[in-house]
Amino acid sequence: MRHVPSKSTAALAALAVLGAGALSSCGSDSAADSDGTVTLSVATFNEFGYEELFEEYEELNPGIEIEHRKAGTAPEHQDNLYTKLAAGSGLSDIEAIEVDWLAALVEQSDAFVDLSDPEVEGRWLDWKSEAATTPDGKLIGYGTDIGPEAVCYRADLFEQAGLPSDREKVAELFTTWDDYFETGREFVGEQPGTAWYDASGGIAQAMVQQIEYSFEDAENNVIAADNPEVKEVFDTVTGLSEEGLSTGLTQWSEDWTAAFQNDGFATMACPGWMLGVIEGNASGVEGWDIADVFPGGGGNWGGSYLTVPTQSEHPEEATALAAWLTAPEQQIKAFESKGTFPSQTEALSDPVLTGSVNEFFNDAPTGEILAERAEAVEFIQHKGPRYADVNTAFQQAIQRVDEGKESPDEAWDSFLADLERIR
């Protein structure tokens, strides 16, 4: 699923007052019908690719009916989830969650059924399942998709700048961030009207996500102010913005969307779900390609899980459905349906996935490339309860430099002041 910022710490405060007893005593509004049919409600957001899978499951399991509650956006779904968690009732039998919500929800693990089972051990990439596992070994979510990152680029603009455009040769240029940025300097020197990458914030996020403990330490203490790696990322991207490598735009803004159509930039960090975003925004634009590389190693942006709240009146049936939906076979079907990239180890070697090509990206073997990128991820960034607030302040500080509102030093001081309030 497309990554979106989590809610603020204030929005999570209501969860802290919940007790395990109150949660487990309340049921959802699903129940067995008079004829014995069990109706399971499943709440998702954006696109999980489950519509046809729900029909298939009902055919395979007479007596089970599925009610799909689909929110249009992740924030809408998240609001509903937190509100009903705090109320102690009203949640669906299965609730989808985004990876950035895990820290807050793991702290409320008593609100969710323990999904650990020998039958599903080893199903997912290690870092995917570890993120949803509590310190005492409870698994609160079955992994759905992930967002392994590669680099998407405009091969036609590379050619105009005298750079290699073949994806294998491009991959050789981007082994490290230093290599990536140095190539960018060369590019903007030849193509002064086009930025090297789409947004400083996007590049900063990609770099920070390669730091296991960036904004918070393992005990969830905020360490961003004193973490030299965070300061190095900030100094790097703000300095490069002043050199003209960035568009200076904010991702998802109207101007950012328009930049896809007017040769606004040549490259961008590209998780699997971003391919559809690029194709939609760059409709009619030829030249996009994708390289099997990500500077600095592996990177992951986004991904979701299926949870079973203890509010469910049918936890066994809901767990069985969640396990089936996240099995490798079903994740391949979801990938075919909506392009959601699977997190299951078996699915990553499935011929349907590895043989997938994308016509818009110059017939690139996107399935094979993203599977390689997924294998390159060694960990995912630790995201504690204050992650969303810190990340928002960090991104805003970078954007103020991009917009010329503050110098890099002023923006960093403003970020430090924000951190004092967040702590």
Protein backbone atom coordinates (compact mmCIF):
# COMPACT_ATOMS: atom_id res chain seq x y z
CA MET A 1 0.00 0.00 0.00
CA ARG A 2 1.12 3.57 -0.54
CA HIS A 3 2.90 4.86 2.52
CA VAL A 4 1.20 7.72 4.33
CA PRO A 5 2.22 9.50 7.52
CA SER A 6 0.87 8.04 10.73
CA LYS A 7 -1.28 10.01 13.11
CA SER A 8 0.34 12.17 15.76
CA THR A 9 1.20 11.06 19.26
CA ALA A 10 -1.86 12.92 20.51
CA ALA A 11 -4.10 10.81 18.34
CA LEU A 12 -2.56 7.70 19.85
CA ALA A 13 -2.99 8.83 23.43
CA ALA A 14 -6.47 7.40 23.69
CA LEU A 15 -5.10 3.93 23.06
CA ALA A 16 -2.89 4.06 26.13
CA VAL A 17 -5.84 3.98 28.50
CA LEU A 18 -7.20 0.73 27.13
CA GLY A 19 -7.12 -2.33 29.33
CA ALA A 20 -6.90 -5.88 28.10
CA GLY A 21 -10.04 -6.83 29.95
CA ALA A 22 -12.14 -4.14 28.33
CA LEU A 23 -10.88 -5.06 24.89
CA SER A 24 -11.41 -8.77 25.14
CA SER A 25 -14.89 -8.44 26.56
CA CYS A 26 -16.32 -6.56 23.59
CA GLY A 27 -17.28 -8.14 20.29
CA SER A 28 -17.50 -6.77 16.79
CA ASP A 29 -20.82 -6.42 15.05
CA SER A 30 -20.33 -9.66 13.07
CA ALA A 31 -22.29 -12.68 14.20
CA ALA A 32 -23.62 -15.99 12.98
CA ASP A 33 -26.87 -15.71 11.04
CA SER A 34 -29.90 -17.78 11.98
CA ASP A 35 -28.96 -20.36 9.33
CA GLY A 36 -25.51 -20.80 10.86
CA THR A 37 -23.67 -18.67 8.31
CA VAL A 38 -20.71 -16.80 9.79
CA THR A 39 -20.22 -13.30 8.44
CA LEU A 40 -16.65 -12.02 8.69
CA SER A 41 -16.01 -8.32 8.25
CA VAL A 42 -12.69 -7.25 6.72
CA ALA A 43 -11.58 -3.60 6.87
CA THR A 44 -8.94 -2.44 4.36
CA PHE A 45 -7.84 0.79 2.67
CA ASN A 46 -6.52 1.77 -0.74
CA GLU A 47 -5.97 -1.37 -2.88
CA PHE A 48 -5.14 -4.79 -1.44
CA GLY A 49 -6.36 -6.79 -4.46
CA TYR A 50 -8.74 -8.90 -2.36
CA GLU A 51 -12.10 -8.51 -4.09
CA GLU A 52 -11.87 -11.66 -6.22
CA LEU A 53 -10.11 -13.52 -3.40
CA PHE A 54 -13.07 -12.92 -1.11
CA GLU A 55 -15.36 -14.55 -3.65
CA GLU A 56 -12.98 -17.49 -4.00
CA TYR A 57 -12.79 -18.01 -0.25
CA GLU A 58 -16.57 -18.01 0.09
CA GLU A 59 -16.80 -20.69 -2.62
CA LEU A 60 -14.17 -22.79 -0.86
CA ASN A 61 -15.78 -22.35 2.55
CA PRO A 62 -19.57 -22.72 2.48
CA GLY A 63 -21.07 -21.07 5.52
CA ILE A 64 -18.64 -18.14 5.44
CA GLU A 65 -19.68 -14.77 4.07
CA ILE A 66 -17.28 -11.84 3.86
CA GLU A 67 -18.27 -8.21 4.31
CA HIS A 68 -15.63 -5.91 2.87
CA ARG A 69 -15.33 -2.51 4.52
CA LYS A 70 -12.99 -0.55 2.28
CA ALA A 71 -11.87 2.94 3.22
CA GLY A 72 -10.79 5.24 0.44
CA THR A 73 -7.59 6.32 2.17
CA ALA A 74 -5.28 5.03 4.86
CA PRO A 75 -5.84 8.03 7.19
CA GLU A 76 -9.61 7.46 7.03
CA HIS A 77 -9.14 3.81 7.92
CA GLN A 78 -6.65 4.67 10.67
CA ASP A 79 -9.06 7.14 12.27
CA ASN A 80 -11.74 4.47 12.38
CA LEU A 81 -9.33 1.88 13.78
CA TYR A 82 -8.08 4.05 16.63
CA THR A 83 -11.53 5.36 17.49
CA LYS A 84 -13.01 1.88 17.81
CA LEU A 85 -9.99 0.53 19.65
CA ALA A 86 -10.47 3.28 22.21
CA ALA A 87 -14.21 2.60 22.38
CA GLY A 88 -13.65 -1.12 22.91
CA SER A 89 -16.13 -2.20 20.23
CA GLY A 90 -17.04 -1.86 16.58
CA LEU A 91 -13.90 -3.16 14.89
CA SER A 92 -14.02 -5.58 12.00
CA ASP A 93 -13.04 -9.22 12.40
CA ILE A 94 -9.94 -8.46 10.35
CA GLU A 95 -8.32 -5.03 10.37
CA ALA A 96 -5.60 -4.10 7.91
CA ILE A 97 -2.84 -1.89 9.31
CA GLU A 98 0.05 0.00 7.72
CA VAL A 99 3.62 -0.69 8.81
CA ASP A 100 4.08 2.77 10.34
CA TRP A 101 1.25 2.11 12.80
CA LEU A 102 2.90 -0.97 14.26
CA ALA A 103 4.80 0.71 17.08
CA ALA A 104 1.66 2.10 18.66
CA LEU A 105 -0.34 -1.06 18.10
CA VAL A 106 2.36 -3.40 19.41
CA GLU A 107 2.15 -1.44 22.66
CA GLN A 108 -1.54 -2.40 22.70
CA SER A 109 -0.92 -6.02 21.72
CA ASP A 110 -3.61 -7.24 24.11
CA ALA A 111 -6.11 -5.72 21.68
CA PHE A 112 -5.12 -8.28 19.03
CA VAL A 113 -5.19 -12.05 18.72
CA ASP A 114 -1.82 -13.78 18.79
CA LEU A 115 -1.49 -15.11 15.24
CA SER A 116 1.69 -17.10 15.79
CA ASP A 117 1.38 -20.65 14.52
CA PRO A 118 3.91 -23.29 13.39
CA GLU A 119 2.02 -23.49 10.11
CA VAL A 120 3.06 -19.95 9.14
CA GLU A 121 6.59 -19.86 10.55
CA GLY A 122 9.08 -18.86 7.88
CA ARG A 123 6.35 -17.72 5.50
CA TRP A 124 7.55 -14.12 5.35
CA LEU A 125 10.83 -12.35 4.93
CA ASP A 126 12.35 -12.21 8.40
CA TRP A 127 12.23 -8.44 8.75
CA LYS A 128 8.57 -8.39 7.73
CA SER A 129 7.36 -10.74 10.46
CA GLU A 130 9.80 -9.44 13.09
CA ALA A 131 8.27 -5.96 12.83
CA ALA A 132 4.88 -7.34 13.92
CA THR A 133 6.25 -9.48 16.74
CA THR A 134 6.13 -8.26 20.34
CA PRO A 135 9.10 -8.64 22.72
CA ASP A 136 7.43 -11.68 24.30
CA GLY A 137 6.96 -13.40 20.92
CA LYS A 138 3.36 -12.54 20.10
CA LEU A 139 2.63 -12.07 16.37
CA ILE A 140 -0.09 -9.44 15.95
CA GLY A 141 -0.17 -9.26 12.15
CA TYR A 142 0.19 -11.42 9.05
CA GLY A 143 2.26 -9.62 6.41
CA THR A 144 0.61 -8.61 3.14
CA ASP A 145 2.62 -6.43 0.76
CA ILE A 146 5.99 -4.71 1.01
CA GLY A 147 7.65 -1.79 -0.76
CA PRO A 148 11.15 -2.84 -1.87
CA GLU A 149 12.89 0.15 -3.41
CA ALA A 150 14.71 0.46 -6.71
CA VAL A 151 15.52 3.55 -8.78
CA CYS A 152 13.15 4.67 -11.52
CA TYR A 153 14.62 6.98 -14.13
CA ARG A 154 14.03 8.72 -17.45
CA ALA A 155 16.25 6.89 -19.93
CA ASP A 156 15.58 9.52 -22.61
CA LEU A 157 16.80 12.35 -20.37
CA PHE A 158 19.86 10.30 -19.44
CA GLU A 159 20.71 9.97 -23.13
CA GLN A 160 20.30 13.71 -23.68
CA ALA A 161 22.75 14.33 -20.82
CA GLY A 162 25.27 11.86 -22.23
CA LEU A 163 24.72 9.29 -19.46
CA PRO A 164 24.26 5.54 -19.95
CA SER A 165 20.58 4.67 -20.27
CA ASP A 166 20.69 0.87 -20.28
CA ARG A 167 19.28 -0.31 -16.93
CA GLU A 168 22.23 -2.59 -16.18
CA LYS A 169 24.73 0.21 -16.76
CA VAL A 170 22.58 2.63 -14.79
CA ALA A 171 22.61 0.22 -11.86
CA GLU A 172 26.41 0.42 -11.84
CA LEU A 173 26.19 4.19 -11.37
CA PHE A 174 24.10 4.05 -8.21
CA THR A 175 25.82 1.60 -5.86
CA THR A 176 26.30 4.24 -3.15
CA TRP A 177 24.53 7.50 -2.36
CA ASP A 178 27.75 9.36 -3.15
CA ASP A 179 27.75 7.76 -6.61
CA TYR A 180 24.09 8.62 -7.10
CA PHE A 181 24.56 12.27 -6.13
CA GLU A 182 27.76 12.68 -8.15
CA THR A 183 25.96 11.38 -11.23
CA GLY A 184 23.22 13.86 -10.42
CA ARG A 185 25.68 16.75 -10.41
CA GLU A 186 26.88 15.63 -13.82
CA PHE A 187 23.30 15.42 -15.06
CA VAL A 188 22.16 18.88 -13.93
CA GLY A 189 25.34 20.32 -15.43
CA GLU A 190 24.23 19.00 -18.82
CA GLN A 191 20.45 19.45 -18.29
CA PRO A 192 20.09 22.62 -16.19
CA GLY A 193 16.33 22.80 -16.73
CA THR A 194 15.66 19.40 -15.13
CA ALA A 195 16.24 18.38 -11.52
CA TRP A 196 17.98 15.11 -10.67
CA TYR A 197 15.29 13.78 -8.31
CA ASP A 198 11.67 14.48 -7.57
CA ALA A 199 11.78 15.73 -3.98
CA SER A 200 14.31 16.28 -1.20
CA GLY A 201 11.86 14.77 1.26
CA GLY A 202 11.60 11.55 -0.72
CA ILE A 203 15.36 11.12 -0.92
CA ALA A 204 15.78 11.99 2.76
CA GLN A 205 13.18 9.43 3.73
CA ALA A 206 14.88 6.76 1.62
CA MET A 207 18.20 7.48 3.32
CA VAL A 208 16.79 7.63 6.86
CA GLN A 209 15.01 4.33 6.35
CA GLN A 210 18.43 2.72 5.92
CA ILE A 211 19.29 3.72 9.51
CA GLU A 212 17.87 1.11 11.87
CA TYR A 213 17.64 3.45 14.85
CA SER A 214 17.28 6.91 13.40
CA PHE A 215 14.69 8.97 15.26
CA GLU A 216 14.16 6.67 18.28
CA ASP A 217 16.27 4.05 20.01
CA ALA A 218 15.21 0.52 20.95
CA GLU A 219 13.55 1.85 24.13
CA ASN A 220 11.67 4.46 22.05
CA ASN A 221 13.63 7.42 23.40
CA VAL A 222 13.81 10.23 20.85
CA ILE A 223 17.43 10.40 19.68
CA ALA A 224 17.10 12.35 16.42
CA ALA A 225 18.73 15.49 17.80
CA ASP A 226 21.90 13.67 18.79
CA ASN A 227 22.09 11.08 16.03
CA PRO A 228 24.96 12.05 13.69
CA GLU A 229 23.52 9.87 10.91
CA VAL A 230 20.27 11.87 10.92
CA LYS A 231 22.21 15.15 10.84
CA GLU A 232 24.30 13.83 7.96
CA VAL A 233 21.17 13.03 5.93
CA PHE A 234 19.77 16.48 6.66
CA ASP A 235 23.00 18.25 5.68
CA THR A 236 23.32 16.16 2.53
CA VAL A 237 19.85 16.71 1.10
CA THR A 238 19.63 20.40 2.02
CA GLY A 239 23.06 21.00 0.51
CA LEU A 240 22.13 19.19 -2.68
CA SER A 241 18.92 21.19 -2.90
CA GLU A 242 20.99 24.35 -2.98
CA GLU A 243 23.01 22.76 -5.80
CA GLY A 244 19.84 22.28 -7.84
CA LEU A 245 19.56 18.48 -7.67
CA SER A 246 16.05 18.61 -6.18
CA THR A 247 12.87 19.99 -7.69
CA GLY A 248 12.18 21.69 -4.36
CA LEU A 249 8.68 20.22 -4.45
CA THR A 250 6.73 18.27 -1.85
CA GLN A 251 5.71 14.75 -2.82
CA TRP A 252 1.99 14.36 -3.60
CA SER A 253 1.53 18.10 -4.18
CA GLU A 254 -0.09 19.34 -7.40
CA ASP A 255 3.19 20.81 -8.62
CA TRP A 256 4.96 17.50 -7.94
CA THR A 257 2.32 15.65 -9.96
CA ALA A 258 2.66 18.15 -12.81
CA ALA A 259 6.45 17.68 -12.85
CA PHE A 260 5.98 14.19 -14.30
CA GLN A 261 4.57 15.77 -17.44
CA ASN A 262 7.07 18.59 -17.96
CA ASP A 263 10.43 16.80 -17.63
CA GLY A 264 10.73 18.15 -14.10
CA PHE A 265 13.15 15.49 -12.87
CA ALA A 266 15.10 12.45 -14.04
CA THR A 267 15.08 9.95 -11.16
CA MET A 268 13.22 8.97 -8.02
CA ALA A 269 13.32 6.40 -5.24
CA CYS A 270 10.86 3.80 -6.39
CA PRO A 271 9.13 1.23 -4.16
CA GLY A 272 7.03 -1.30 -6.03
CA TRP A 273 3.73 0.51 -5.46
CA MET A 274 5.22 3.70 -6.93
CA LEU A 275 5.25 2.18 -10.42
CA GLY A 276 1.51 2.70 -10.73
CA VAL A 277 1.80 6.26 -9.41
CA ILE A 278 4.45 7.08 -12.00
CA GLU A 279 2.52 5.51 -14.83
CA GLY A 280 -0.60 7.43 -13.88
CA ASN A 281 1.11 10.80 -13.42
CA ALA A 282 3.37 10.38 -16.47
CA SER A 283 0.70 9.09 -18.82
CA GLY A 284 1.81 9.69 -22.40
CA VAL A 285 5.42 10.34 -21.40
CA GLU A 286 7.90 7.90 -22.91
CA GLY A 287 11.29 7.01 -21.51
CA TRP A 288 10.69 5.69 -18.01
CA ASP A 289 12.73 2.67 -16.89
CA ILE A 290 13.75 1.01 -13.62
CA ALA A 291 17.18 -0.20 -12.49
CA ASP A 292 17.87 -3.16 -10.20
CA VAL A 293 19.74 -1.08 -7.63
CA PHE A 294 19.18 1.12 -4.62
CA PRO A 295 21.96 3.35 -3.31
CA GLY A 296 23.46 2.12 -0.08
CA GLY A 297 21.92 -1.37 -0.30
CA GLY A 298 18.35 -2.42 0.38
CA GLY A 299 15.44 -0.17 1.26
CA ASN A 300 11.76 -0.66 1.97
CA TRP A 301 9.01 1.97 1.88
CA GLY A 302 5.56 0.91 3.02
CA GLY A 303 3.68 -2.34 3.40
CA SER A 304 0.77 -3.63 5.43
CA TYR A 305 -0.51 -6.41 7.69
CA LEU A 306 -3.76 -8.15 8.56
CA THR A 307 -4.68 -8.25 12.25
CA VAL A 308 -7.51 -9.95 14.16
CA PRO A 309 -8.78 -7.74 17.00
CA THR A 310 -9.80 -9.49 20.21
CA GLN A 311 -13.14 -7.74 19.72
CA SER A 312 -13.97 -10.28 17.01
CA GLU A 313 -16.71 -12.77 17.84
CA HIS A 314 -15.15 -15.21 15.37
CA PRO A 315 -11.39 -15.07 16.03
CA GLU A 316 -10.70 -18.62 14.76
CA GLU A 317 -12.54 -18.10 11.49
CA ALA A 318 -10.99 -14.64 11.08
CA THR A 319 -7.49 -16.00 11.71
CA ALA A 320 -8.05 -18.74 9.13
CA LEU A 321 -9.16 -16.16 6.55
CA ALA A 322 -6.20 -13.88 7.31
CA ALA A 323 -3.81 -16.81 6.97
CA TRP A 324 -5.33 -17.80 3.64
CA LEU A 325 -5.27 -14.27 2.25
CA THR A 326 -1.58 -13.92 3.12
CA ALA A 327 -0.50 -17.32 1.82
CA PRO A 328 1.95 -17.16 -1.11
CA GLU A 329 -0.63 -18.36 -3.65
CA GLN A 330 -3.10 -15.62 -2.73
CA GLN A 331 -0.43 -12.94 -2.59
CA ILE A 332 0.52 -13.76 -6.17
CA LYS A 333 -3.13 -13.35 -7.16
CA ALA A 334 -3.27 -10.00 -5.35
CA PHE A 335 -0.11 -8.97 -7.18
CA GLU A 336 -1.71 -9.85 -10.51
CA SER A 337 -4.84 -7.94 -9.53
CA LYS A 338 -3.44 -4.72 -8.08
CA GLY A 339 0.33 -4.96 -8.22
CA THR A 340 0.76 -5.34 -4.46
CA PHE A 341 4.24 -6.77 -4.03
CA PRO A 342 4.26 -9.92 -1.86
CA SER A 343 6.24 -10.32 1.34
CA GLN A 344 6.25 -14.14 1.35
CA THR A 345 9.47 -15.94 0.56
CA GLU A 346 7.86 -18.55 -1.70
CA ALA A 347 6.01 -15.90 -3.66
CA LEU A 348 9.24 -14.07 -4.46
CA SER A 349 10.37 -16.99 -6.62
CA ASP A 350 7.00 -17.64 -8.25
CA PRO A 351 7.27 -17.58 -12.08
CA VAL A 352 4.24 -15.29 -12.25
CA LEU A 353 6.16 -12.72 -10.25
CA THR A 354 9.65 -13.21 -11.64
CA GLY A 355 8.32 -13.27 -15.19
CA SER A 356 6.32 -10.08 -14.82
CA VAL A 357 7.29 -7.22 -17.12
CA ASN A 358 6.00 -3.65 -17.27
CA GLU A 359 5.39 -2.20 -20.71
CA PHE A 360 5.37 1.41 -19.48
CA PHE A 361 8.86 0.97 -18.00
CA ASN A 362 10.41 -0.12 -21.30
CA ASP A 363 9.31 -3.74 -20.75
CA ALA A 364 11.47 -3.93 -17.63
CA PRO A 365 11.34 -7.25 -15.70
CA THR A 366 9.84 -5.44 -12.72
CA GLY A 367 8.89 -8.61 -10.86
CA GLU A 368 12.43 -9.96 -10.97
CA ILE A 369 13.96 -6.57 -10.14
CA LEU A 370 11.74 -5.94 -7.12
CA ALA A 371 12.22 -9.49 -5.86
CA GLU A 372 15.97 -8.85 -5.90
CA ARG A 373 15.42 -5.56 -4.10
CA ALA A 374 13.30 -7.29 -1.45
CA GLU A 375 16.06 -9.80 -0.78
CA ALA A 376 18.52 -6.93 -0.31
CA VAL A 377 16.59 -5.51 2.66
CA GLU A 378 18.26 -6.55 5.92
CA PHE A 379 16.05 -4.66 8.39
CA ILE A 380 13.39 -2.01 8.50
CA GLN A 381 13.78 1.26 10.31
CA HIS A 382 12.63 1.21 13.92
CA LYS A 383 9.49 3.31 14.23
CA GLY A 384 8.39 4.00 17.77
CA PRO A 385 5.32 5.88 19.03
CA ARG A 386 6.84 9.31 18.25
CA TYR A 387 8.13 8.40 14.82
CA ALA A 388 5.33 10.14 12.93
CA ASP A 389 5.76 13.41 14.80
CA VAL A 390 9.55 13.41 14.45
CA ASN A 391 9.42 12.48 10.77
CA THR A 392 6.89 15.23 10.06
CA ALA A 393 9.10 17.81 11.75
CA PHE A 394 12.14 16.48 9.87
CA GLN A 395 10.39 16.65 6.52
CA GLN A 396 9.04 20.14 7.21
CA ALA A 397 12.50 21.38 8.10
CA ILE A 398 13.87 20.07 4.80
CA GLN A 399 11.00 21.62 2.90
CA ARG A 400 11.60 25.04 4.45
CA VAL A 401 15.10 24.94 3.00
CA ASP A 402 13.77 23.85 -0.39
CA GLU A 403 11.31 26.76 -0.39
CA GLY A 404 13.96 29.28 0.64
CA LYS A 405 12.20 30.09 3.91
CA GLU A 406 15.16 29.10 6.08
CA SER A 407 18.84 28.35 5.64
CA PRO A 408 19.96 24.79 6.46
CA ASP A 409 21.28 25.93 9.85
CA GLU A 410 18.07 27.77 10.67
CA ALA A 411 15.96 24.81 9.60
CA TRP A 412 17.97 22.41 11.76
CA ASP A 413 17.55 24.71 14.77
CA SER A 414 13.81 24.80 14.10
CA PHE A 415 13.79 21.01 13.94
CA LEU A 416 15.56 20.82 17.31
CA ALA A 417 12.96 23.15 18.79
CA ASP A 418 10.21 20.90 17.42
CA LEU A 419 11.89 17.89 19.01
CA GLU A 420 11.80 19.55 22.42
CA ARG A 421 8.04 19.85 22.12
CA ILE A 422 7.66 16.26 20.84
CA ARG A 423 9.67 14.74 23.68
